[in-house]
Amino acid sequence: MTRILLLEDEPPALQRLRAAVESHPATEVVGTESSVDGAYLWLTGHPAPDLIIADIELADGKAFRLFERWRPTCPVIFCTAFDEHVLEALGWNGIDYILKPIRSERIHEALDKYAALRQHFRAEATERLTGFSAKPRYRRRLLVKRGSEFLAIPVEKIAYLASEHKLTVAVLSDGNRHLLDRTLTDLESELDPTHFFRASRSHLLRIDAVEGFESAGKGRLEVLIAPRPGNPVIVSQKNAADFRAWLES
């Protein structure tokens, strides 16, 4: 499945573009943004998409300004009403340049081109990396909300992440609390498991914040963590051995 981010500031054009993309097999639109600032927040707060399809003129400036702030790590298909930016687009991971009006056939051609390129380089990389294992990349920062602002918080400052009343909260080592728009399940897969442990359905703990534990009966453990959470953090009997091994690692 190809995960695609769409950048388009005109609602009718976005509707046509999305329909064209979703009618192509094995594609998934994971996000849409209409501005440079909105796209930057999305890209720094989510796993990178496999492909970006971008209009060049967005609501608050050219898409190239976005790529100056967030260097693209994936291919980009540019879809625009202007033909004078072709050379500049090639310098920003551009693999195709589509002139509006948007036509499904042309979008499908570009997606087929992307699929062929991906297959080629995947096969080449497999040959070169035979016998080697890739090291996983984990998040070093998380985007949190403070009023209308978004802050990038280094994971080293986080004591634990909690699910409270269907909201995800990051509790920092200094006791400050911030909301996130991610679930604990999403975050668990994106954070280094040597530093973070899913202690319960509602708590994801960072190892430096754990002071110890005590028995909670029936093989369960109550974790002692600073700053103290409002409710006890209980590790089930099933996960108690894994928790102890993690804490001693």
Foldseek 3Di string as FASTA:
>chain_A
DFEEEEEAQDVVQVVLLVVLQVVAPPYDDPYYYQDLVVVLVVPLADPAGQEYEYEQQGPYHGNVVSCVVPQDPHAYEYEYQDDPCVVVNVVRNYPYYHHDPDDSVVSNVSVVVRVVVVVVVVVVVCVVQVPHDDDDAADQWHWFDDPPDTDTHGPVQFFKWFQDPNWIWTQGLVGDITTHPDAPVVNVVRHDLLQWDCQDNTMIGGLVQWPAWDDPPPQKIFTDGPPDDPDTRIHDNVCNVVVVVSNVD
